[in-house]
Amino acid sequence: MLNPYLFYRDNCEAAFNFYAKALGGKIDAMMRSSEAPPDVPAAPGREKTIMHARMSLPDGSVLMASDAPPEHFNKAQGFSISLTVKDTEEGERKFNALADGGSVTMPFSKTFWAKGFGMCVDKFGIPWMVNCPAEGM
Protein backbone atom coordinates (compact mmCIF):
# COMPACT_ATOMS: atom_id res chain seq x y z
CA MET A 1 0.00 0.00 0.00
CA LEU A 2 1.30 3.44 -0.90
CA ASN A 3 0.32 6.36 1.34
CA PRO A 4 1.39 9.96 0.72
CA TYR A 5 3.09 11.91 3.50
CA LEU A 6 2.78 15.68 3.05
CA PHE A 7 4.72 18.51 4.65
CA TYR A 8 3.22 21.91 5.41
CA ARG A 9 4.45 25.32 6.41
CA ASP A 10 2.79 25.37 9.83
CA ASN A 11 -0.75 24.88 8.51
CA CYS A 12 -1.04 21.08 8.64
CA GLU A 13 -3.93 21.19 11.11
CA ALA A 14 -5.93 23.59 8.91
CA ALA A 15 -5.16 21.46 5.82
CA PHE A 16 -6.32 18.25 7.51
CA ASN A 17 -9.53 19.87 8.75
CA PHE A 18 -10.11 21.07 5.16
CA TYR A 19 -9.44 17.59 3.70
CA ALA A 20 -11.68 15.91 6.29
CA LYS A 21 -14.56 18.08 5.10
CA ALA A 22 -13.70 18.02 1.37
CA LEU A 23 -12.98 14.29 1.15
CA GLY A 24 -15.10 12.87 3.96
CA GLY A 25 -11.99 11.76 5.82
CA LYS A 26 -11.58 10.95 9.51
CA ILE A 27 -8.62 12.41 11.38
CA ASP A 28 -7.18 9.49 13.33
CA ALA A 29 -4.21 11.30 14.87
CA MET A 30 -3.06 14.89 15.33
CA MET A 31 0.04 14.99 17.52
CA ARG A 32 1.58 18.32 18.39
CA SER A 33 5.30 18.90 18.76
CA SER A 34 4.72 19.62 22.45
CA GLU A 35 3.65 15.97 22.85
CA ALA A 36 7.12 14.65 21.98
CA PRO A 37 9.08 12.87 24.72
CA PRO A 38 11.02 15.15 27.10
CA ASP A 39 14.34 14.11 25.56
CA VAL A 40 13.13 15.41 22.15
CA PRO A 41 11.66 18.80 23.05
CA ALA A 42 9.93 20.98 20.47
CA ALA A 43 11.94 23.90 19.16
CA PRO A 44 11.01 27.14 20.92
CA GLY A 45 7.86 28.60 19.35
CA ARG A 46 6.99 25.32 17.55
CA GLU A 47 5.15 23.62 20.41
CA LYS A 48 1.74 23.93 18.70
CA THR A 49 2.89 22.72 15.28
CA ILE A 50 1.85 19.25 14.10
CA MET A 51 4.50 16.57 14.54
CA HIS A 52 2.36 13.88 12.88
CA ALA A 53 -1.19 13.65 11.51
CA ARG A 54 -3.03 10.70 10.02
CA MET A 55 -6.34 10.65 8.16
CA SER A 56 -8.38 7.68 6.95
CA LEU A 57 -10.38 8.23 3.77
CA PRO A 58 -13.64 6.43 2.96
CA ASP A 59 -11.97 4.32 0.23
CA GLY A 60 -9.49 2.88 2.77
CA SER A 61 -6.53 5.01 1.76
CA VAL A 62 -4.51 6.96 4.31
CA LEU A 63 -3.08 10.46 4.15
CA MET A 64 -0.34 11.48 6.57
CA ALA A 65 1.40 14.79 7.17
CA SER A 66 3.24 17.15 9.50
CA ASP A 67 4.47 20.72 9.76
CA ALA A 68 8.03 20.91 8.48
CA PRO A 69 10.54 23.07 10.35
CA PRO A 70 11.06 26.25 8.31
CA GLU A 71 14.59 25.28 7.29
CA HIS A 72 13.29 21.96 5.88
CA PHE A 73 10.12 23.15 4.13
CA ASN A 74 10.04 23.06 0.32
CA LYS A 75 7.13 24.03 -1.88
CA ALA A 76 5.33 20.97 -3.30
CA GLN A 77 6.47 20.27 -6.84
CA GLY A 78 7.04 17.36 -9.16
CA PHE A 79 4.03 15.32 -7.99
CA SER A 80 0.25 15.34 -7.55
CA ILE A 81 -1.95 13.45 -5.15
CA SER A 82 -4.17 11.38 -7.43
CA LEU A 83 -7.67 10.68 -6.14
CA THR A 84 -9.74 8.07 -8.00
CA VAL A 85 -13.50 8.34 -7.62
CA LYS A 86 -15.98 5.99 -9.35
CA ASP A 87 -18.96 8.34 -9.43
CA THR A 88 -18.53 11.38 -11.69
CA GLU A 89 -20.80 13.66 -9.62
CA GLU A 90 -18.89 12.74 -6.44
CA GLY A 91 -15.60 13.24 -8.28
CA GLU A 92 -16.60 16.71 -9.42
CA ARG A 93 -17.82 17.59 -5.91
CA LYS A 94 -14.49 16.52 -4.41
CA PHE A 95 -12.55 18.33 -7.14
CA ASN A 96 -14.48 21.58 -6.52
CA ALA A 97 -14.00 21.23 -2.76
CA LEU A 98 -10.23 20.73 -3.14
CA ALA A 99 -9.95 23.62 -5.62
CA ASP A 100 -11.87 26.02 -3.35
CA GLY A 101 -9.45 28.81 -2.43
CA GLY A 102 -6.72 27.30 -4.59
CA SER A 103 -6.16 27.26 -8.34
CA VAL A 104 -7.47 25.07 -11.15
CA THR A 105 -4.81 23.69 -13.46
CA MET A 106 -7.24 21.70 -15.62
CA PRO A 107 -11.01 22.08 -15.15
CA PHE A 108 -12.94 18.94 -14.26
CA SER A 109 -14.43 17.50 -17.44
CA LYS A 110 -14.79 14.38 -19.55
CA THR A 111 -11.63 13.27 -21.35
CA PHE A 112 -10.79 10.44 -23.74
CA TRP A 113 -9.48 8.39 -20.77
CA ALA A 114 -11.96 9.38 -18.05
CA LYS A 115 -15.62 10.07 -17.37
CA GLY A 116 -14.28 13.06 -15.44
CA PHE A 117 -10.81 14.40 -14.68
CA GLY A 118 -9.44 17.63 -13.25
CA MET A 119 -6.25 19.05 -11.78
CA CYS A 120 -5.90 21.73 -9.13
CA VAL A 121 -3.59 23.06 -6.45
CA ASP A 122 -5.37 23.46 -3.13
CA LYS A 123 -5.09 26.55 -0.94
CA PHE A 124 -2.27 24.87 0.99
CA GLY A 125 -0.12 24.43 -2.13
CA ILE A 126 -0.74 20.69 -2.63
CA PRO A 127 -1.38 19.57 -6.25
CA TRP A 128 -4.29 17.18 -6.81
CA MET A 129 -5.67 15.15 -9.71
CA VAL A 130 -9.23 13.84 -9.41
CA ASN A 131 -9.96 11.02 -11.82
CA CYS A 132 -13.20 9.18 -12.59
CA PRO A 133 -11.90 6.45 -14.91
CA ALA A 134 -13.77 5.41 -18.03
CA GLU A 135 -14.95 1.80 -18.20
CA GLY A 136 -12.02 -0.54 -18.66
CA MET A 137 -9.40 1.99 -17.53
C-alpha atoms as a PDB file:
ATOM      1  CA  MET A   1       0.000   0.000   0.000  1.00  0.00           C
ATOM      2  CA  LEU A   2       1.301   3.440  -0.901  1.00  0.00           C
ATOM      3  CA  ASN A   3       0.321   6.363   1.336  1.00  0.00           C
ATOM      4  CA  PRO A   4       1.387   9.961   0.722  1.00  0.00           C
ATOM      5  CA  TYR A   5       3.090  11.907   3.500  1.00  0.00           C
ATOM      6  CA  LEU A   6       2.782  15.675   3.055  1.00  0.00           C
ATOM      7  CA  PHE A   7       4.722  18.511   4.650  1.00  0.00           C
ATOM      8  CA  TYR A   8       3.220  21.906   5.407  1.00  0.00           C
ATOM      9  CA  ARG A   9       4.450  25.322   6.405  1.00  0.00           C
ATOM     10  CA  ASP A  10       2.793  25.374   9.835  1.00  0.00           C
ATOM     11  CA  ASN A  11      -0.752  24.881   8.509  1.00  0.00           C
ATOM     12  CA  CYS A  12      -1.039  21.081   8.637  1.00  0.00           C
ATOM     13  CA  GLU A  13      -3.930  21.189  11.113  1.00  0.00           C
ATOM     14  CA  ALA A  14      -5.931  23.592   8.909  1.00  0.00           C
ATOM     15  CA  ALA A  15      -5.164  21.461   5.824  1.00  0.00           C
ATOM     16  CA  PHE A  16      -6.318  18.254   7.508  1.00  0.00           C
ATOM     17  CA  ASN A  17      -9.527  19.873   8.752  1.00  0.00           C
ATOM     18  CA  PHE A  18     -10.109  21.074   5.163  1.00  0.00           C
ATOM     19  CA  TYR A  19      -9.444  17.592   3.704  1.00  0.00           C
ATOM     20  CA  ALA A  20     -11.681  15.910   6.291  1.00  0.00           C
ATOM     21  CA  LYS A  21     -14.556  18.078   5.104  1.00  0.00           C
ATOM     22  CA  ALA A  22     -13.703  18.015   1.372  1.00  0.00           C
ATOM     23  CA  LEU A  23     -12.977  14.287   1.148  1.00  0.00           C
ATOM     24  CA  GLY A  24     -15.099  12.873   3.960  1.00  0.00           C
ATOM     25  CA  GLY A  25     -11.987  11.762   5.825  1.00  0.00           C
ATOM     26  CA  LYS A  26     -11.583  10.952   9.511  1.00  0.00           C
ATOM     27  CA  ILE A  27      -8.622  12.415  11.377  1.00  0.00           C
ATOM     28  CA  ASP A  28      -7.176   9.487  13.334  1.00  0.00           C
ATOM     29  CA  ALA A  29      -4.210  11.303  14.875  1.00  0.00           C
ATOM     30  CA  MET A  30      -3.061  14.891  15.325  1.00  0.00           C
ATOM     31  CA  MET A  31       0.037  14.987  17.525  1.00  0.00           C
ATOM     32  CA  ARG A  32       1.585  18.317  18.393  1.00  0.00           C
ATOM     33  CA  SER A  33       5.298  18.895  18.755  1.00  0.00           C
ATOM     34  CA  SER A  34       4.716  19.623  22.450  1.00  0.00           C
ATOM     35  CA  GLU A  35       3.653  15.974  22.852  1.00  0.00           C
ATOM     36  CA  ALA A  36       7.123  14.653  21.983  1.00  0.00           C
ATOM     37  CA  PRO A  37       9.075  12.867  24.724  1.00  0.00           C
ATOM     38  CA  PRO A  38      11.024  15.150  27.096  1.00  0.00           C
ATOM     39  CA  ASP A  39      14.345  14.105  25.563  1.00  0.00           C
ATOM     40  CA  VAL A  40      13.130  15.412  22.153  1.00  0.00           C
ATOM     41  CA  PRO A  41      11.661  18.804  23.047  1.00  0.00           C
ATOM     42  CA  ALA A  42       9.932  20.984  20.466  1.00  0.00           C
ATOM     43  CA  ALA A  43      11.938  23.898  19.161  1.00  0.00           C
ATOM     44  CA  PRO A  44      11.010  27.140  20.918  1.00  0.00           C
ATOM     45  CA  GLY A  45       7.858  28.599  19.348  1.00  0.00           C
ATOM     46  CA  ARG A  46       6.994  25.322  17.554  1.00  0.00           C
ATOM     47  CA  GLU A  47       5.152  23.623  20.410  1.00  0.00           C
ATOM     48  CA  LYS A  48       1.740  23.927  18.699  1.00  0.00           C
ATOM     49  CA  THR A  49       2.890  22.718  15.280  1.00  0.00           C
ATOM     50  CA  ILE A  50       1.852  19.254  14.100  1.00  0.00           C
ATOM     51  CA  MET A  51       4.501  16.572  14.541  1.00  0.00           C
ATOM     52  CA  HIS A  52       2.355  13.877  12.875  1.00  0.00           C
ATOM     53  CA  ALA A  53      -1.186  13.648  11.509  1.00  0.00           C
ATOM     54  CA  ARG A  54      -3.033  10.697  10.018  1.00  0.00           C
ATOM     55  CA  MET A  55      -6.339  10.654   8.161  1.00  0.00           C
ATOM     56  CA  SER A  56      -8.377   7.677   6.948  1.00  0.00           C
ATOM     57  CA  LEU A  57     -10.382   8.233   3.771  1.00  0.00           C
ATOM     58  CA  PRO A  58     -13.644   6.426   2.962  1.00  0.00           C
ATOM     59  CA  ASP A  59     -11.965   4.323   0.230  1.00  0.00           C
ATOM     60  CA  GLY A  60      -9.490   2.876   2.767  1.00  0.00           C
ATOM     61  CA  SER A  61      -6.525   5.015   1.759  1.00  0.00           C
ATOM     62  CA  VAL A  62      -4.513   6.957   4.309  1.00  0.00           C
ATOM     63  CA  LEU A  63      -3.081  10.463   4.148  1.00  0.00           C
ATOM     64  CA  MET A  64      -0.337  11.478   6.574  1.00  0.00           C
ATOM     65  CA  ALA A  65       1.401  14.792   7.167  1.00  0.00           C
ATOM     66  CA  SER A  66       3.242  17.149   9.496  1.00  0.00           C
ATOM     67  CA  ASP A  67       4.471  20.718   9.759  1.00  0.00           C
ATOM     68  CA  ALA A  68       8.027  20.915   8.480  1.00  0.00           C
ATOM     69  CA  PRO A  69      10.543  23.066  10.346  1.00  0.00           C
ATOM     70  CA  PRO A  70      11.062  26.255   8.307  1.00  0.00           C
ATOM     71  CA  GLU A  71      14.593  25.279   7.294  1.00  0.00           C
ATOM     72  CA  HIS A  72      13.294  21.964   5.877  1.00  0.00           C
ATOM     73  CA  PHE A  73      10.123  23.148   4.126  1.00  0.00           C
ATOM     74  CA  ASN A  74      10.041  23.056   0.324  1.00  0.00           C
ATOM     75  CA  LYS A  75       7.126  24.026  -1.881  1.00  0.00           C
ATOM     76  CA  ALA A  76       5.335  20.965  -3.295  1.00  0.00           C
ATOM     77  CA  GLN A  77       6.468  20.266  -6.842  1.00  0.00           C
ATOM     78  CA  GLY A  78       7.036  17.357  -9.161  1.00  0.00           C
ATOM     79  CA  PHE A  79       4.028  15.321  -7.990  1.00  0.00           C
ATOM     80  CA  SER A  80       0.254  15.345  -7.555  1.00  0.00           C
ATOM     81  CA  ILE A  81      -1.946  13.454  -5.150  1.00  0.00           C
ATOM     82  CA  SER A  82      -4.170  11.381  -7.427  1.00  0.00           C
ATOM     83  CA  LEU A  83      -7.667  10.683  -6.139  1.00  0.00           C
ATOM     84  CA  THR A  84      -9.740   8.068  -7.997  1.00  0.00           C
ATOM     85  CA  VAL A  85     -13.504   8.339  -7.622  1.00  0.00           C
ATOM     86  CA  LYS A  86     -15.976   5.988  -9.351  1.00  0.00           C
ATOM     87  CA  ASP A  87     -18.964   8.337  -9.429  1.00  0.00           C
ATOM     88  CA  THR A  88     -18.534  11.379 -11.685  1.00  0.00           C
ATOM     89  CA  GLU A  89     -20.797  13.661  -9.618  1.00  0.00           C
ATOM     90  CA  GLU A  90     -18.891  12.744  -6.445  1.00  0.00           C
ATOM     91  CA  GLY A  91     -15.597  13.237  -8.284  1.00  0.00           C
ATOM     92  CA  GLU A  92     -16.601  16.706  -9.423  1.00  0.00           C
ATOM     93  CA  ARG A  93     -17.820  17.591  -5.912  1.00  0.00           C
ATOM     94  CA  LYS A  94     -14.487  16.515  -4.412  1.00  0.00           C
ATOM     95  CA  PHE A  95     -12.553  18.330  -7.137  1.00  0.00           C
ATOM     96  CA  ASN A  96     -14.476  21.577  -6.519  1.00  0.00           C
ATOM     97  CA  ALA A  97     -14.001  21.234  -2.760  1.00  0.00           C
ATOM     98  CA  LEU A  98     -10.235  20.726  -3.138  1.00  0.00           C
ATOM     99  CA  ALA A  99      -9.946  23.625  -5.620  1.00  0.00           C
ATOM    100  CA  ASP A 100     -11.868  26.021  -3.349  1.00  0.00           C
ATOM    101  CA  GLY A 101      -9.453  28.806  -2.432  1.00  0.00           C
ATOM    102  CA  GLY A 102      -6.717  27.297  -4.594  1.00  0.00           C
ATOM    103  CA  SER A 103      -6.163  27.259  -8.344  1.00  0.00           C
ATOM    104  CA  VAL A 104      -7.474  25.075 -11.147  1.00  0.00           C
ATOM    105  CA  THR A 105      -4.807  23.692 -13.463  1.00  0.00           C
ATOM    106  CA  MET A 106      -7.240  21.696 -15.622  1.00  0.00           C
ATOM    107  CA  PRO A 107     -11.011  22.076 -15.146  1.00  0.00           C
ATOM    108  CA  PHE A 108     -12.936  18.938 -14.263  1.00  0.00           C
ATOM    109  CA  SER A 109     -14.432  17.500 -17.445  1.00  0.00           C
ATOM    110  CA  LYS A 110     -14.794  14.377 -19.551  1.00  0.00           C
ATOM    111  CA  THR A 111     -11.634  13.268 -21.347  1.00  0.00           C
ATOM    112  CA  PHE A 112     -10.788  10.443 -23.736  1.00  0.00           C
ATOM    113  CA  TRP A 113      -9.478   8.393 -20.766  1.00  0.00           C
ATOM    114  CA  ALA A 114     -11.955   9.382 -18.050  1.00  0.00           C
ATOM    115  CA  LYS A 115     -15.617  10.071 -17.368  1.00  0.00           C
ATOM    116  CA  GLY A 116     -14.279  13.063 -15.436  1.00  0.00           C
ATOM    117  CA  PHE A 117     -10.810  14.405 -14.683  1.00  0.00           C
ATOM    118  CA  GLY A 118      -9.441  17.628 -13.251  1.00  0.00           C
ATOM    119  CA  MET A 119      -6.250  19.053 -11.785  1.00  0.00           C
ATOM    120  CA  CYS A 120      -5.900  21.732  -9.128  1.00  0.00           C
ATOM    121  CA  VAL A 121      -3.589  23.065  -6.452  1.00  0.00           C
ATOM    122  CA  ASP A 122      -5.369  23.456  -3.127  1.00  0.00           C
ATOM    123  CA  LYS A 123      -5.094  26.555  -0.940  1.00  0.00           C
ATOM    124  CA  PHE A 124      -2.273  24.873   0.988  1.00  0.00           C
ATOM    125  CA  GLY A 125      -0.120  24.425  -2.130  1.00  0.00           C
ATOM    126  CA  ILE A 126      -0.744  20.691  -2.627  1.00  0.00           C
ATOM    127  CA  PRO A 127      -1.377  19.571  -6.250  1.00  0.00           C
ATOM    128  CA  TRP A 128      -4.294  17.184  -6.808  1.00  0.00           C
ATOM    129  CA  MET A 129      -5.669  15.155  -9.714  1.00  0.00           C
ATOM    130  CA  VAL A 130      -9.234  13.843  -9.413  1.00  0.00           C
ATOM    131  CA  ASN A 131      -9.958  11.018 -11.820  1.00  0.00           C
ATOM    132  CA  CYS A 132     -13.199   9.176 -12.591  1.00  0.00           C
ATOM    133  CA  PRO A 133     -11.899   6.453 -14.913  1.00  0.00           C
ATOM    134  CA  ALA A 134     -13.771   5.414 -18.033  1.00  0.00           C
ATOM    135  CA  GLU A 135     -14.954   1.802 -18.201  1.00  0.00           C
ATOM    136  CA  GLY A 136     -12.018  -0.544 -18.656  1.00  0.00           C
ATOM    137  CA  MET A 137      -9.405   1.991 -17.527  1.00  0.00           C
END
